[in-house]
Every structure is written in structure tokens, then in C-alpha cells.
């Protein structure tokens, strides 16, 4: 066997291995997301702190086909299987600026198609709240102004940017929305 054939065989074997590893990873992520979405939502008591990893609700943006579970915290295990509620911000029904984060290459991938006027629905065990997208922006990761308290019921979605960047993305994509309806 000549050297070029041997190299071709090694390269093709490595490529098949990488492809199988990628498929296995995608299968694990899908399985975790499905398991997380079937977990029951907890009833949130305003007088008790939220518990890291607890399933709090669901986010849905129909126009872009986004639907995912929301859990408390921004740990890697939470963000691997859904959307995380930033613990330093209020939760639905508490007023102010509710902030949610998700990975750009999994649950928040479709945010690249979001537009002003889109409706975001958050369903919890207690209520369903609808928000209308007002703005989107790209900010540096150190810009914490997007987390500042708000006198109105606001929803802030955060993910890394650009969406097609390979590796650790340099910026953050921000979606700001205002509450339009709430129902028990």
C-alpha cells in the first residue's frame, strides 16, 4: 500500500469517527432536552428563593419555531438542556426585568430570525405571560446594562453572538420585550 492511500484511509477513518461522535453528542443533547421538557414545573413561592436546576416554565416563540423549558440558574447543566433564568433577576409575576439565557447553537439558535413585534410566551405553573419584542442588540459580554431593573414588566433574552461563530463567541445578542398580556 502506498503512502497516499494509507493517509487517505487514516483521514477517512478519523472523519467517520468525528462524525459518529457528533451524532452521539447531538443525540445526548436531544435526549436531555426531551427529558427536561417533560419534567413538571414547580409552583413558585414569592417568599422563597428559587432552587438551582428547578424547572420553572416554558418559553415559546411561535413565528421562529422556538420552544424550550426554562430552569433556574445559568449552570452548564441547565443551559445544556434548555434556557436558564438568571438568578439575580426577578421571575415571572414579580415585576421588573426577567432575564433568560440560552446557548446560540442549541435552544436559542432560532433567535437569529427574531424580529421586532414577535410575540414571546412564557408559561409557568401559575400563569401564562406574553411579551412583544421591542428591540434586539449586540453588546460586549461585559455590558451588564441589559440586566438593570425595569419599572415595567420586561423580558431580556441573552445568547452568544455571532450565531455562526466557531468556539467562544466574542459578543452577546440581546432581545428586549415588554409584557402585553398575562392570564392565570
C-alpha atoms as a PDB file:
ATOM      1  CA  UNK A   1       0.000   0.000   0.000  1.00  0.00           C
ATOM      2  CA  UNK A   2       1.483   3.332  -0.934  1.00  0.00           C
ATOM      3  CA  UNK A   3       1.753   6.285   1.448  1.00  0.00           C
ATOM      4  CA  UNK A   4      -1.048   8.376  -0.113  1.00  0.00           C
ATOM      5  CA  UNK A   5      -3.548   5.501   0.207  1.00  0.00           C
ATOM      6  CA  UNK A   6      -2.559   4.979   3.816  1.00  0.00           C
ATOM      7  CA  UNK A   7      -3.071   8.689   4.530  1.00  0.00           C
ATOM      8  CA  UNK A   8      -6.434   8.613   2.791  1.00  0.00           C
ATOM      9  CA  UNK A   9      -7.528   5.608   4.880  1.00  0.00           C
ATOM     10  CA  UNK A  10      -6.436   7.281   8.138  1.00  0.00           C
ATOM     11  CA  UNK A  11      -8.171  10.532   7.211  1.00  0.00           C
ATOM     12  CA  UNK A  12     -11.396   8.761   6.262  1.00  0.00           C
ATOM     13  CA  UNK A  13     -11.336   6.713   9.491  1.00  0.00           C
ATOM     14  CA  UNK A  14     -10.839   9.884  11.559  1.00  0.00           C
ATOM     15  CA  UNK A  15     -13.631  11.659   9.644  1.00  0.00           C
ATOM     16  CA  UNK A  16     -16.051   8.782  10.291  1.00  0.00           C
ATOM     17  CA  UNK A  17     -15.081   8.790  13.978  1.00  0.00           C
ATOM     18  CA  UNK A  18     -15.652  12.541  14.282  1.00  0.00           C
ATOM     19  CA  UNK A  19     -18.998  12.215  12.514  1.00  0.00           C
ATOM     20  CA  UNK A  20     -20.136   9.433  14.842  1.00  0.00           C
ATOM     21  CA  UNK A  21     -19.041  11.443  17.888  1.00  0.00           C
ATOM     22  CA  UNK A  22     -21.015  14.461  16.626  1.00  0.00           C
ATOM     23  CA  UNK A  23     -24.115  12.314  16.090  1.00  0.00           C
ATOM     24  CA  UNK A  24     -23.771  10.810  19.569  1.00  0.00           C
ATOM     25  CA  UNK A  25     -23.428  14.292  21.106  1.00  0.00           C
ATOM     26  CA  UNK A  26     -26.496  15.554  19.211  1.00  0.00           C
ATOM     27  CA  UNK A  27     -28.469  12.511  20.395  1.00  0.00           C
ATOM     28  CA  UNK A  28     -27.481  13.141  24.012  1.00  0.00           C
ATOM     29  CA  UNK A  29     -28.484  16.822  23.791  1.00  0.00           C
ATOM     30  CA  UNK A  30     -31.859  15.930  22.244  1.00  0.00           C
ATOM     31  CA  UNK A  31     -32.495  13.252  24.892  1.00  0.00           C
ATOM     32  CA  UNK A  32     -31.609  15.657  27.721  1.00  0.00           C
ATOM     33  CA  UNK A  33     -33.829  18.370  26.260  1.00  0.00           C
ATOM     34  CA  UNK A  34     -36.764  15.975  25.911  1.00  0.00           C
ATOM     35  CA  UNK A  35     -36.308  14.692  29.464  1.00  0.00           C
ATOM     36  CA  UNK A  36     -36.107  18.250  30.812  1.00  0.00           C
ATOM     37  CA  UNK A  37     -39.201  19.393  28.912  1.00  0.00           C
ATOM     38  CA  UNK A  38     -41.265  16.549  30.376  1.00  0.00           C
ATOM     39  CA  UNK A  39     -40.294  17.374  33.976  1.00  0.00           C
ATOM     40  CA  UNK A  40     -43.107  19.046  35.944  1.00  0.00           C
ATOM     41  CA  UNK A  41     -42.979  22.806  36.531  1.00  0.00           C
ATOM     42  CA  UNK A  42     -42.763  23.953  40.124  1.00  0.00           C
ATOM     43  CA  UNK A  43     -45.090  26.454  41.755  1.00  0.00           C
ATOM     44  CA  UNK A  44     -43.003  29.488  42.647  1.00  0.00           C
ATOM     45  CA  UNK A  45     -43.481  30.977  46.092  1.00  0.00           C
ATOM     46  CA  UNK A  46     -42.603  34.696  46.016  1.00  0.00           C
ATOM     47  CA  UNK A  47     -41.274  34.467  49.560  1.00  0.00           C
ATOM     48  CA  UNK A  48     -38.802  31.644  48.951  1.00  0.00           C
ATOM     49  CA  UNK A  49     -35.679  31.700  46.791  1.00  0.00           C
ATOM     50  CA  UNK A  50     -35.707  29.700  43.572  1.00  0.00           C
ATOM     51  CA  UNK A  51     -33.685  26.481  43.616  1.00  0.00           C
ATOM     52  CA  UNK A  52     -30.925  25.963  41.031  1.00  0.00           C
ATOM     53  CA  UNK A  53     -31.957  23.484  38.347  1.00  0.00           C
ATOM     54  CA  UNK A  54     -35.699  23.645  39.162  1.00  0.00           C
ATOM     55  CA  UNK A  55     -37.972  23.664  36.107  1.00  0.00           C
ATOM     56  CA  UNK A  56     -39.822  26.982  36.198  1.00  0.00           C
ATOM     57  CA  UNK A  57     -41.663  27.083  32.893  1.00  0.00           C
ATOM     58  CA  UNK A  58     -41.598  27.021  29.112  1.00  0.00           C
ATOM     59  CA  UNK A  59     -40.684  29.644  26.522  1.00  0.00           C
ATOM     60  CA  UNK A  60     -42.337  29.658  23.123  1.00  0.00           C
ATOM     61  CA  UNK A  61     -41.840  31.936  20.129  1.00  0.00           C
ATOM     62  CA  UNK A  62     -44.179  30.514  17.531  1.00  0.00           C
ATOM     63  CA  UNK A  63     -43.029  32.525  14.492  1.00  0.00           C
ATOM     64  CA  UNK A  64     -39.458  31.240  14.705  1.00  0.00           C
ATOM     65  CA  UNK A  65     -40.322  27.750  15.961  1.00  0.00           C
ATOM     66  CA  UNK A  66     -38.664  28.103  19.362  1.00  0.00           C
ATOM     67  CA  UNK A  67     -39.946  26.083  22.297  1.00  0.00           C
ATOM     68  CA  UNK A  68     -37.832  25.139  25.307  1.00  0.00           C
ATOM     69  CA  UNK A  69     -38.007  24.554  29.028  1.00  0.00           C
ATOM     70  CA  UNK A  70     -36.795  27.198  31.481  1.00  0.00           C
ATOM     71  CA  UNK A  71     -34.918  26.177  34.626  1.00  0.00           C
ATOM     72  CA  UNK A  72     -33.416  28.202  37.433  1.00  0.00           C
ATOM     73  CA  UNK A  73     -29.786  29.253  37.070  1.00  0.00           C
ATOM     74  CA  UNK A  74     -27.120  29.551  34.458  1.00  0.00           C
ATOM     75  CA  UNK A  75     -25.056  26.451  35.248  1.00  0.00           C
ATOM     76  CA  UNK A  76     -23.731  24.427  32.328  1.00  0.00           C
ATOM     77  CA  UNK A  77     -26.115  21.560  33.133  1.00  0.00           C
ATOM     78  CA  UNK A  78     -29.117  23.924  32.943  1.00  0.00           C
ATOM     79  CA  UNK A  79     -28.041  25.576  29.680  1.00  0.00           C
ATOM     80  CA  UNK A  80     -27.157  22.238  28.080  1.00  0.00           C
ATOM     81  CA  UNK A  81     -30.797  21.151  28.185  1.00  0.00           C
ATOM     82  CA  UNK A  82     -32.740  24.393  27.885  1.00  0.00           C
ATOM     83  CA  UNK A  83     -32.980  28.019  28.927  1.00  0.00           C
ATOM     84  CA  UNK A  84     -31.711  29.346  32.235  1.00  0.00           C
ATOM     85  CA  UNK A  85     -33.279  32.078  34.368  1.00  0.00           C
ATOM     86  CA  UNK A  86     -30.569  34.431  35.650  1.00  0.00           C
ATOM     87  CA  UNK A  87     -30.933  34.143  39.399  1.00  0.00           C
ATOM     88  CA  UNK A  88     -30.136  37.809  40.106  1.00  0.00           C
ATOM     89  CA  UNK A  89     -33.242  38.933  38.185  1.00  0.00           C
ATOM     90  CA  UNK A  90     -36.930  38.720  39.144  1.00  0.00           C
ATOM     91  CA  UNK A  91     -39.091  35.827  37.978  1.00  0.00           C
ATOM     92  CA  UNK A  92     -42.387  35.978  36.076  1.00  0.00           C
ATOM     93  CA  UNK A  93     -45.072  37.700  38.150  1.00  0.00           C
ATOM     94  CA  UNK A  94     -42.565  39.562  40.327  1.00  0.00           C
ATOM     95  CA  UNK A  95     -42.343  42.595  38.013  1.00  0.00           C
ATOM     96  CA  UNK A  96     -39.205  44.114  36.570  1.00  0.00           C
ATOM     97  CA  UNK A  97     -36.631  42.755  34.149  1.00  0.00           C
ATOM     98  CA  UNK A  98     -36.717  38.941  33.862  1.00  0.00           C
ATOM     99  CA  UNK A  99     -33.523  37.694  32.164  1.00  0.00           C
ATOM    100  CA  UNK A 100     -33.159  34.341  30.414  1.00  0.00           C
ATOM    101  CA  UNK A 101     -30.034  32.883  28.784  1.00  0.00           C
ATOM    102  CA  UNK A 102     -29.525  30.045  26.322  1.00  0.00           C
ATOM    103  CA  UNK A 103     -26.865  28.670  24.006  1.00  0.00           C
ATOM    104  CA  UNK A 104     -26.790  30.075  20.474  1.00  0.00           C
ATOM    105  CA  UNK A 105     -26.016  26.674  18.992  1.00  0.00           C
ATOM    106  CA  UNK A 106     -28.893  24.802  20.683  1.00  0.00           C
ATOM    107  CA  UNK A 107     -32.134  26.260  22.113  1.00  0.00           C
ATOM    108  CA  UNK A 108     -31.564  29.905  21.085  1.00  0.00           C
ATOM    109  CA  UNK A 109     -30.258  29.169  17.575  1.00  0.00           C
ATOM    110  CA  UNK A 110     -33.536  30.380  16.019  1.00  0.00           C
ATOM    111  CA  UNK A 111     -33.184  33.795  17.722  1.00  0.00           C
ATOM    112  CA  UNK A 112     -31.166  34.838  14.670  1.00  0.00           C
ATOM    113  CA  UNK A 113     -34.566  35.161  12.896  1.00  0.00           C
ATOM    114  CA  UNK A 114     -36.357  37.131  15.625  1.00  0.00           C
ATOM    115  CA  UNK A 115     -37.917  40.454  14.655  1.00  0.00           C
ATOM    116  CA  UNK A 116     -39.391  43.459  16.386  1.00  0.00           C
ATOM    117  CA  UNK A 117     -43.064  42.735  17.028  1.00  0.00           C
ATOM    118  CA  UNK A 118     -42.658  38.974  17.518  1.00  0.00           C
ATOM    119  CA  UNK A 119     -44.583  37.534  20.459  1.00  0.00           C
ATOM    120  CA  UNK A 120     -42.821  35.544  23.182  1.00  0.00           C
ATOM    121  CA  UNK A 121     -44.929  33.414  25.505  1.00  0.00           C
ATOM    122  CA  UNK A 122     -43.729  32.250  28.913  1.00  0.00           C
ATOM    123  CA  UNK A 123     -45.885  29.587  30.581  1.00  0.00           C
ATOM    124  CA  UNK A 124     -45.410  28.783  34.267  1.00  0.00           C
ATOM    125  CA  UNK A 125     -47.371  26.624  36.681  1.00  0.00           C
ATOM    126  CA  UNK A 126     -49.179  29.792  37.848  1.00  0.00           C
ATOM    127  CA  UNK A 127     -49.734  31.839  34.698  1.00  0.00           C
ATOM    128  CA  UNK A 128     -49.041  32.484  31.050  1.00  0.00           C
ATOM    129  CA  UNK A 129     -47.424  35.788  30.070  1.00  0.00           C
ATOM    130  CA  UNK A 130     -46.998  37.215  26.580  1.00  0.00           C
ATOM    131  CA  UNK A 131     -44.331  39.728  25.594  1.00  0.00           C
ATOM    132  CA  UNK A 132     -43.799  41.680  22.383  1.00  0.00           C
ATOM    133  CA  UNK A 133     -40.236  42.096  21.083  1.00  0.00           C
ATOM    134  CA  UNK A 134     -39.226  45.758  21.023  1.00  0.00           C
ATOM    135  CA  UNK A 135     -35.509  45.678  20.223  1.00  0.00           C
ATOM    136  CA  UNK A 136     -32.510  43.490  19.527  1.00  0.00           C
ATOM    137  CA  UNK A 137     -28.887  44.475  20.053  1.00  0.00           C
ATOM    138  CA  UNK A 138     -25.360  43.128  20.051  1.00  0.00           C
ATOM    139  CA  UNK A 139     -23.293  44.049  23.109  1.00  0.00           C
ATOM    140  CA  UNK A 140     -19.909  43.072  24.556  1.00  0.00           C
ATOM    141  CA  UNK A 141     -20.073  40.324  27.208  1.00  0.00           C
ATOM    142  CA  UNK A 142     -19.178  42.773  29.992  1.00  0.00           C
ATOM    143  CA  UNK A 143     -22.146  45.063  29.261  1.00  0.00           C
ATOM    144  CA  UNK A 144     -24.413  44.352  32.229  1.00  0.00           C
ATOM    145  CA  UNK A 145     -26.763  47.257  31.489  1.00  0.00           C
ATOM    146  CA  UNK A 146     -29.132  44.727  29.868  1.00  0.00           C
ATOM    147  CA  UNK A 147     -29.743  43.290  33.361  1.00  0.00           C
ATOM    148  CA  UNK A 148     -30.660  46.596  35.006  1.00  0.00           C
ATOM    149  CA  UNK A 149     -34.001  46.654  36.835  1.00  0.00           C
ATOM    150  CA  UNK A 150     -37.033  47.936  34.952  1.00  0.00           C
ATOM    151  CA  UNK A 151     -40.158  49.612  36.288  1.00  0.00           C
ATOM    152  CA  UNK A 152     -42.220  47.793  33.635  1.00  0.00           C
ATOM    153  CA  UNK A 153     -42.519  44.038  33.166  1.00  0.00           C
ATOM    154  CA  UNK A 154     -39.670  43.319  30.754  1.00  0.00           C
ATOM    155  CA  UNK A 155     -38.151  40.162  29.324  1.00  0.00           C
ATOM    156  CA  UNK A 156     -34.496  40.026  28.280  1.00  0.00           C
ATOM    157  CA  UNK A 157     -33.133  37.082  26.280  1.00  0.00           C
ATOM    158  CA  UNK A 158     -29.353  36.651  26.105  1.00  0.00           C
ATOM    159  CA  UNK A 159     -27.226  34.409  23.901  1.00  0.00           C
ATOM    160  CA  UNK A 160     -23.740  34.478  22.404  1.00  0.00           C
ATOM    161  CA  UNK A 161     -23.076  36.196  19.082  1.00  0.00           C
ATOM    162  CA  UNK A 162     -22.392  35.782  16.214  1.00  0.00           C
ATOM    163  CA  UNK A 163     -24.580  32.731  15.743  1.00  0.00           C
ATOM    164  CA  UNK A 164     -22.214  31.113  13.237  1.00  0.00           C
ATOM    165  CA  UNK A 165     -19.017  31.722  15.229  1.00  0.00           C
ATOM    166  CA  UNK A 166     -16.918  28.637  15.955  1.00  0.00           C
ATOM    167  CA  UNK A 167     -15.758  28.494  19.566  1.00  0.00           C
ATOM    168  CA  UNK A 168     -16.338  31.049  22.303  1.00  0.00           C
ATOM    169  CA  UNK A 169     -18.243  33.928  20.688  1.00  0.00           C
ATOM    170  CA  UNK A 170     -16.978  37.452  21.391  1.00  0.00           C
ATOM    171  CA  UNK A 171     -20.325  39.250  21.854  1.00  0.00           C
ATOM    172  CA  UNK A 172     -23.859  38.820  23.202  1.00  0.00           C
ATOM    173  CA  UNK A 173     -27.142  39.021  21.276  1.00  0.00           C
ATOM    174  CA  UNK A 174     -29.880  40.672  23.329  1.00  0.00           C
ATOM    175  CA  UNK A 175     -33.647  40.573  22.769  1.00  0.00           C
ATOM    176  CA  UNK A 176     -35.788  43.015  24.815  1.00  0.00           C
ATOM    177  CA  UNK A 177     -39.543  42.554  25.056  1.00  0.00           C
ATOM    178  CA  UNK A 178     -42.377  44.167  27.056  1.00  0.00           C
ATOM    179  CA  UNK A 179     -45.306  42.375  28.649  1.00  0.00           C
ATOM    180  CA  UNK A 180     -48.539  42.648  26.673  1.00  0.00           C
ATOM    181  CA  UNK A 181     -50.862  40.165  28.429  1.00  0.00           C
ATOM    182  CA  UNK A 182     -50.990  37.915  31.462  1.00  0.00           C
ATOM    183  CA  UNK A 183     -53.502  35.231  32.268  1.00  0.00           C
ATOM    184  CA  UNK A 184     -53.859  32.875  35.252  1.00  0.00           C
END
